[in-house]
Amino acid sequence: MLFHYQIRGYFLYSGYVDMRKGIDSLAGLVNNELSAHPLSGDLFIFINRKRQQIKMLHWQGDGYAIFYKRLEKGTYEIPLGDGVSKTCSISAEQLLFILQGLVLKSVRKRTRYAPHFV
């Protein structure tokens, strides 16, 4: 994975972001628009309008880490949210699929055992 730090949750911002924004601007966007705390340990994911660039922001306990990637060809697929909220919770697996360019609609997971606790 990208970081050796424990990430609590993965949140994809449903709007489009100007990729000229830096750490402070993205943290402000998390705080003001998503009503989330940027120091929470969650990973916040932002994509530009053309869907060719992605930025991820993560607080690692002693400072922010930012990951940026620009595609030379193709686009990132954005999972469909509920259309109401400004963020979509995704799994680490889904993030890897997005970064690898897999079509999310065609990815199927096979059934596996999962213990059910009461």
N, C-alpha and C. Protein backbone atom coordinates (compact mmCIF):
# COMPACT_ATOMS: atom_id res chain seq x y z
N MET A 1 0.85 -1.19 0.00
CA MET A 1 0.00 0.00 0.00
C MET A 1 0.88 1.23 0.00
N LEU A 2 0.28 2.36 -0.14
CA LEU A 2 1.01 3.61 -0.25
C LEU A 2 1.70 4.01 1.04
N PHE A 3 1.05 3.79 2.16
CA PHE A 3 1.56 4.25 3.43
C PHE A 3 1.72 3.07 4.39
N HIS A 4 2.67 3.16 5.27
CA HIS A 4 2.83 2.14 6.29
C HIS A 4 2.10 2.53 7.57
N TYR A 5 1.33 3.56 7.51
CA TYR A 5 0.55 4.03 8.65
C TYR A 5 -0.84 3.43 8.57
N GLN A 6 -1.47 3.32 9.70
CA GLN A 6 -2.83 2.79 9.72
C GLN A 6 -3.80 3.87 9.25
N ILE A 7 -4.58 3.53 8.27
CA ILE A 7 -5.58 4.45 7.72
C ILE A 7 -6.94 3.99 8.22
N ARG A 8 -7.67 4.91 8.84
CA ARG A 8 -8.98 4.56 9.42
C ARG A 8 -10.04 4.34 8.36
N GLY A 9 -10.13 5.24 7.41
CA GLY A 9 -11.16 5.15 6.39
C GLY A 9 -10.69 5.84 5.11
N TYR A 10 -11.34 5.52 4.01
CA TYR A 10 -11.00 6.07 2.70
C TYR A 10 -12.21 6.84 2.20
N PHE A 11 -12.03 8.12 1.93
CA PHE A 11 -13.15 8.96 1.53
C PHE A 11 -12.82 9.68 0.24
N LEU A 12 -13.65 9.44 -0.77
CA LEU A 12 -13.50 10.06 -2.08
C LEU A 12 -14.42 11.26 -2.16
N TYR A 13 -13.85 12.43 -2.41
CA TYR A 13 -14.62 13.66 -2.57
C TYR A 13 -15.38 13.58 -3.89
N SER A 14 -16.69 13.81 -3.85
CA SER A 14 -17.52 13.60 -5.04
C SER A 14 -17.45 14.77 -6.02
N GLY A 15 -16.97 15.92 -5.58
CA GLY A 15 -16.82 17.05 -6.50
C GLY A 15 -15.48 17.00 -7.20
N TYR A 16 -15.26 17.98 -8.05
CA TYR A 16 -13.98 18.06 -8.75
C TYR A 16 -13.10 19.09 -8.05
N VAL A 17 -11.79 18.85 -8.05
CA VAL A 17 -10.86 19.70 -7.33
C VAL A 17 -9.80 20.25 -8.28
N ASP A 18 -9.46 21.50 -8.09
CA ASP A 18 -8.37 22.14 -8.81
C ASP A 18 -7.07 21.54 -8.27
N MET A 19 -6.30 20.90 -9.11
CA MET A 19 -5.10 20.20 -8.66
C MET A 19 -3.96 21.14 -8.29
N ARG A 20 -4.17 22.45 -8.42
CA ARG A 20 -3.16 23.40 -7.93
C ARG A 20 -3.26 23.56 -6.42
N LYS A 21 -4.32 23.03 -5.81
CA LYS A 21 -4.47 23.12 -4.36
C LYS A 21 -3.38 22.33 -3.66
N GLY A 22 -2.87 22.91 -2.59
CA GLY A 22 -1.84 22.24 -1.80
C GLY A 22 -2.43 21.61 -0.56
N ILE A 23 -1.56 21.23 0.34
CA ILE A 23 -1.97 20.54 1.56
C ILE A 23 -2.95 21.36 2.38
N ASP A 24 -2.63 22.62 2.63
CA ASP A 24 -3.49 23.46 3.47
C ASP A 24 -4.86 23.67 2.85
N SER A 25 -4.91 23.87 1.54
CA SER A 25 -6.19 24.07 0.86
C SER A 25 -7.04 22.80 0.88
N LEU A 26 -6.41 21.65 0.67
CA LEU A 26 -7.15 20.38 0.71
C LEU A 26 -7.64 20.08 2.12
N ALA A 27 -6.80 20.36 3.12
CA ALA A 27 -7.23 20.16 4.51
C ALA A 27 -8.41 21.09 4.83
N GLY A 28 -8.38 22.31 4.32
CA GLY A 28 -9.49 23.24 4.50
C GLY A 28 -10.75 22.74 3.83
N LEU A 29 -10.61 22.14 2.65
CA LEU A 29 -11.76 21.57 1.94
C LEU A 29 -12.37 20.43 2.74
N VAL A 30 -11.53 19.59 3.32
CA VAL A 30 -12.00 18.48 4.16
C VAL A 30 -12.78 19.03 5.34
N ASN A 31 -12.22 20.03 5.99
CA ASN A 31 -12.84 20.62 7.19
C ASN A 31 -14.13 21.35 6.87
N ASN A 32 -14.13 22.19 5.84
CA ASN A 32 -15.27 23.06 5.54
C ASN A 32 -16.36 22.40 4.72
N GLU A 33 -15.99 21.66 3.68
CA GLU A 33 -17.00 21.10 2.78
C GLU A 33 -17.45 19.70 3.19
N LEU A 34 -16.53 18.90 3.73
CA LEU A 34 -16.89 17.54 4.09
C LEU A 34 -17.28 17.40 5.55
N SER A 35 -17.09 18.48 6.31
CA SER A 35 -17.36 18.47 7.76
C SER A 35 -16.65 17.30 8.44
N ALA A 36 -15.45 17.04 7.99
CA ALA A 36 -14.62 15.98 8.57
C ALA A 36 -13.37 16.62 9.16
N HIS A 37 -12.68 15.90 9.98
CA HIS A 37 -11.48 16.41 10.61
C HIS A 37 -10.27 15.89 9.84
N PRO A 38 -9.46 16.77 9.23
CA PRO A 38 -8.34 16.30 8.44
C PRO A 38 -7.26 15.57 9.24
N LEU A 39 -7.25 15.73 10.57
CA LEU A 39 -6.27 15.06 11.42
C LEU A 39 -6.78 13.72 11.95
N SER A 40 -7.85 13.22 11.39
CA SER A 40 -8.51 12.02 11.90
C SER A 40 -7.78 10.72 11.59
N GLY A 41 -6.88 10.74 10.64
CA GLY A 41 -6.22 9.51 10.21
C GLY A 41 -6.89 8.89 9.00
N ASP A 42 -7.95 9.53 8.49
CA ASP A 42 -8.60 9.05 7.28
C ASP A 42 -7.81 9.52 6.06
N LEU A 43 -7.96 8.81 4.95
CA LEU A 43 -7.34 9.19 3.69
C LEU A 43 -8.41 9.86 2.84
N PHE A 44 -8.14 11.08 2.40
CA PHE A 44 -9.09 11.84 1.59
C PHE A 44 -8.57 11.88 0.16
N ILE A 45 -9.45 11.53 -0.79
CA ILE A 45 -9.07 11.37 -2.19
C ILE A 45 -9.80 12.41 -3.02
N PHE A 46 -9.04 13.08 -3.90
CA PHE A 46 -9.59 14.15 -4.74
C PHE A 46 -9.20 13.89 -6.19
N ILE A 47 -10.15 14.14 -7.10
CA ILE A 47 -9.92 13.94 -8.53
C ILE A 47 -10.32 15.21 -9.27
N ASN A 48 -9.59 15.53 -10.35
CA ASN A 48 -9.90 16.75 -11.11
C ASN A 48 -11.04 16.51 -12.10
N ARG A 49 -11.48 17.58 -12.74
CA ARG A 49 -12.64 17.52 -13.63
C ARG A 49 -12.43 16.56 -14.81
N LYS A 50 -11.23 16.55 -15.39
CA LYS A 50 -10.96 15.67 -16.53
C LYS A 50 -10.71 14.22 -16.11
N ARG A 51 -10.65 13.99 -14.80
CA ARG A 51 -10.42 12.67 -14.20
C ARG A 51 -9.10 12.05 -14.64
N GLN A 52 -8.10 12.89 -14.86
CA GLN A 52 -6.77 12.41 -15.23
C GLN A 52 -5.76 12.60 -14.10
N GLN A 53 -6.15 13.29 -13.04
CA GLN A 53 -5.25 13.56 -11.92
C GLN A 53 -5.94 13.20 -10.61
N ILE A 54 -5.15 12.70 -9.68
CA ILE A 54 -5.67 12.31 -8.38
C ILE A 54 -4.70 12.78 -7.30
N LYS A 55 -5.25 13.26 -6.19
CA LYS A 55 -4.46 13.64 -5.03
C LYS A 55 -5.08 12.98 -3.82
N MET A 56 -4.20 12.51 -2.92
CA MET A 56 -4.67 11.90 -1.67
C MET A 56 -3.97 12.57 -0.51
N LEU A 57 -4.74 12.89 0.51
CA LEU A 57 -4.24 13.59 1.69
C LEU A 57 -4.42 12.71 2.92
N HIS A 58 -3.35 12.58 3.71
CA HIS A 58 -3.42 11.74 4.90
C HIS A 58 -2.55 12.34 6.01
N TRP A 59 -3.12 12.47 7.20
CA TRP A 59 -2.39 12.90 8.38
C TRP A 59 -1.72 11.68 8.98
N GLN A 60 -0.40 11.74 9.18
CA GLN A 60 0.34 10.58 9.67
C GLN A 60 0.86 10.75 11.08
N GLY A 61 0.20 11.55 11.86
CA GLY A 61 0.57 11.70 13.26
C GLY A 61 1.52 12.84 13.54
N ASP A 62 2.46 13.08 12.63
CA ASP A 62 3.40 14.17 12.83
C ASP A 62 3.45 15.12 11.64
N GLY A 63 2.61 14.89 10.66
CA GLY A 63 2.56 15.75 9.49
C GLY A 63 1.68 15.13 8.41
N TYR A 64 1.39 15.94 7.40
CA TYR A 64 0.57 15.47 6.28
C TYR A 64 1.45 14.77 5.24
N ALA A 65 0.87 13.77 4.61
CA ALA A 65 1.47 13.15 3.44
C ALA A 65 0.49 13.38 2.29
N ILE A 66 1.04 13.69 1.13
CA ILE A 66 0.19 13.90 -0.04
C ILE A 66 0.74 13.04 -1.17
N PHE A 67 -0.17 12.40 -1.87
CA PHE A 67 0.17 11.57 -3.01
C PHE A 67 -0.51 12.18 -4.22
N TYR A 68 0.23 12.33 -5.32
CA TYR A 68 -0.31 12.94 -6.52
C TYR A 68 0.07 12.08 -7.72
N LYS A 69 -0.89 11.84 -8.60
CA LYS A 69 -0.60 11.08 -9.81
C LYS A 69 -1.37 11.68 -10.97
N ARG A 70 -0.67 11.83 -12.11
CA ARG A 70 -1.29 12.33 -13.33
C ARG A 70 -1.17 11.25 -14.40
N LEU A 71 -2.29 10.88 -14.99
CA LEU A 71 -2.27 9.89 -16.05
C LEU A 71 -1.87 10.54 -17.37
N GLU A 72 -1.06 9.86 -18.14
CA GLU A 72 -0.69 10.35 -19.47
C GLU A 72 -1.76 9.99 -20.49
N LYS A 73 -2.50 8.92 -20.22
CA LYS A 73 -3.57 8.50 -21.13
C LYS A 73 -4.64 7.82 -20.29
N GLY A 74 -5.89 8.04 -20.62
CA GLY A 74 -6.99 7.41 -19.90
C GLY A 74 -7.50 8.30 -18.77
N THR A 75 -8.47 7.76 -18.04
CA THR A 75 -9.08 8.50 -16.94
C THR A 75 -9.29 7.57 -15.75
N TYR A 76 -9.48 8.19 -14.59
CA TYR A 76 -9.84 7.44 -13.39
C TYR A 76 -11.35 7.24 -13.37
N GLU A 77 -11.78 6.08 -12.95
CA GLU A 77 -13.20 5.83 -12.78
C GLU A 77 -13.60 6.23 -11.36
N ILE A 78 -14.70 6.93 -11.27
CA ILE A 78 -15.20 7.37 -9.97
C ILE A 78 -16.41 6.53 -9.62
N PRO A 79 -16.40 5.85 -8.46
CA PRO A 79 -17.60 5.09 -8.08
C PRO A 79 -18.77 6.02 -7.83
N LEU A 80 -19.95 5.55 -8.16
CA LEU A 80 -21.14 6.37 -7.98
C LEU A 80 -21.50 6.44 -6.50
N GLY A 81 -21.69 7.64 -6.00
CA GLY A 81 -22.13 7.82 -4.62
C GLY A 81 -23.64 7.87 -4.55
N ASP A 82 -24.14 8.35 -3.44
CA ASP A 82 -25.60 8.44 -3.28
C ASP A 82 -26.18 9.69 -3.93
N GLY A 83 -25.31 10.59 -4.43
CA GLY A 83 -25.77 11.80 -5.09
C GLY A 83 -26.11 12.92 -4.15
N VAL A 84 -26.16 12.65 -2.85
CA VAL A 84 -26.52 13.66 -1.87
C VAL A 84 -25.29 14.19 -1.13
N SER A 85 -24.49 13.28 -0.60
CA SER A 85 -23.34 13.69 0.19
C SER A 85 -22.17 14.08 -0.71
N LYS A 86 -21.25 14.85 -0.14
CA LYS A 86 -20.09 15.31 -0.89
C LYS A 86 -18.93 14.34 -0.84
N THR A 87 -19.12 13.23 -0.16
CA THR A 87 -18.06 12.24 -0.05
C THR A 87 -18.64 10.84 -0.19
N CYS A 88 -17.80 9.95 -0.66
CA CYS A 88 -18.18 8.56 -0.84
C CYS A 88 -17.14 7.71 -0.11
N SER A 89 -17.58 6.87 0.79
CA SER A 89 -16.67 5.98 1.50
C SER A 89 -16.34 4.79 0.61
N ILE A 90 -15.05 4.52 0.44
CA ILE A 90 -14.63 3.39 -0.38
C ILE A 90 -13.68 2.52 0.45
N SER A 91 -13.39 1.35 -0.06
CA SER A 91 -12.47 0.44 0.62
C SER A 91 -11.06 0.63 0.05
N ALA A 92 -10.08 0.09 0.75
CA ALA A 92 -8.70 0.13 0.25
C ALA A 92 -8.60 -0.62 -1.08
N GLU A 93 -9.36 -1.69 -1.19
CA GLU A 93 -9.40 -2.47 -2.43
C GLU A 93 -9.91 -1.63 -3.60
N GLN A 94 -11.00 -0.90 -3.37
CA GLN A 94 -11.55 -0.06 -4.42
C GLN A 94 -10.56 1.02 -4.84
N LEU A 95 -9.83 1.58 -3.88
CA LEU A 95 -8.82 2.58 -4.20
C LEU A 95 -7.74 1.98 -5.10
N LEU A 96 -7.30 0.79 -4.78
CA LEU A 96 -6.31 0.13 -5.63
C LEU A 96 -6.85 -0.12 -7.04
N PHE A 97 -8.12 -0.52 -7.13
CA PHE A 97 -8.74 -0.73 -8.44
C PHE A 97 -8.78 0.57 -9.24
N ILE A 98 -9.13 1.68 -8.58
CA ILE A 98 -9.17 2.98 -9.25
C ILE A 98 -7.78 3.34 -9.76
N LEU A 99 -6.77 3.17 -8.93
CA LEU A 99 -5.40 3.53 -9.31
C LEU A 99 -4.86 2.63 -10.42
N GLN A 100 -5.30 1.38 -10.46
CA GLN A 100 -4.84 0.44 -11.48
C GLN A 100 -5.62 0.54 -12.78
N GLY A 101 -6.70 1.30 -12.78
CA GLY A 101 -7.48 1.49 -14.00
C GLY A 101 -8.49 0.40 -14.28
N LEU A 102 -8.88 -0.35 -13.27
CA LEU A 102 -9.88 -1.39 -13.47
C LEU A 102 -11.28 -0.79 -13.55
N VAL A 103 -12.15 -1.41 -14.31
CA VAL A 103 -13.54 -0.96 -14.42
C VAL A 103 -14.27 -1.49 -13.19
N LEU A 104 -14.71 -0.60 -12.34
CA LEU A 104 -15.29 -0.99 -11.06
C LEU A 104 -16.58 -1.78 -11.20
N LYS A 105 -17.36 -1.50 -12.22
CA LYS A 105 -18.64 -2.18 -12.39
C LYS A 105 -18.46 -3.66 -12.75
N SER A 106 -17.33 -3.99 -13.36
CA SER A 106 -17.13 -5.38 -13.79
C SER A 106 -16.35 -6.20 -12.77
N VAL A 107 -15.87 -5.58 -11.72
CA VAL A 107 -15.13 -6.32 -10.70
C VAL A 107 -16.12 -7.02 -9.80
N ARG A 108 -15.95 -8.32 -9.66
CA ARG A 108 -16.82 -9.12 -8.79
C ARG A 108 -15.95 -9.84 -7.78
N LYS A 109 -16.40 -9.85 -6.55
CA LYS A 109 -15.70 -10.60 -5.51
C LYS A 109 -16.38 -11.94 -5.34
N ARG A 110 -15.58 -12.98 -5.21
CA ARG A 110 -16.13 -14.29 -4.94
C ARG A 110 -16.50 -14.39 -3.46
N THR A 111 -17.45 -15.22 -3.16
CA THR A 111 -17.92 -15.39 -1.80
C THR A 111 -16.82 -15.98 -0.93
N ARG A 112 -16.64 -15.41 0.25
CA ARG A 112 -15.67 -15.91 1.21
C ARG A 112 -16.35 -15.96 2.57
N TYR A 113 -15.80 -16.79 3.42
CA TYR A 113 -16.32 -16.91 4.78
C TYR A 113 -16.00 -15.66 5.57
N ALA A 114 -16.99 -15.18 6.29
CA ALA A 114 -16.81 -14.04 7.20
C ALA A 114 -17.57 -14.36 8.47
N PRO A 115 -16.89 -14.39 9.60
CA PRO A 115 -17.58 -14.72 10.84
C PRO A 115 -18.59 -13.64 11.20
N HIS A 116 -19.71 -14.06 11.74
CA HIS A 116 -20.76 -13.13 12.15
C HIS A 116 -20.80 -13.13 13.67
N PHE A 117 -20.60 -11.99 14.25
CA PHE A 117 -20.63 -11.86 15.70
C PHE A 117 -21.96 -11.24 16.12
N VAL A 118 -22.49 -11.72 17.19
CA VAL A 118 -23.77 -11.23 17.69
C VAL A 118 -23.56 -10.18 18.72
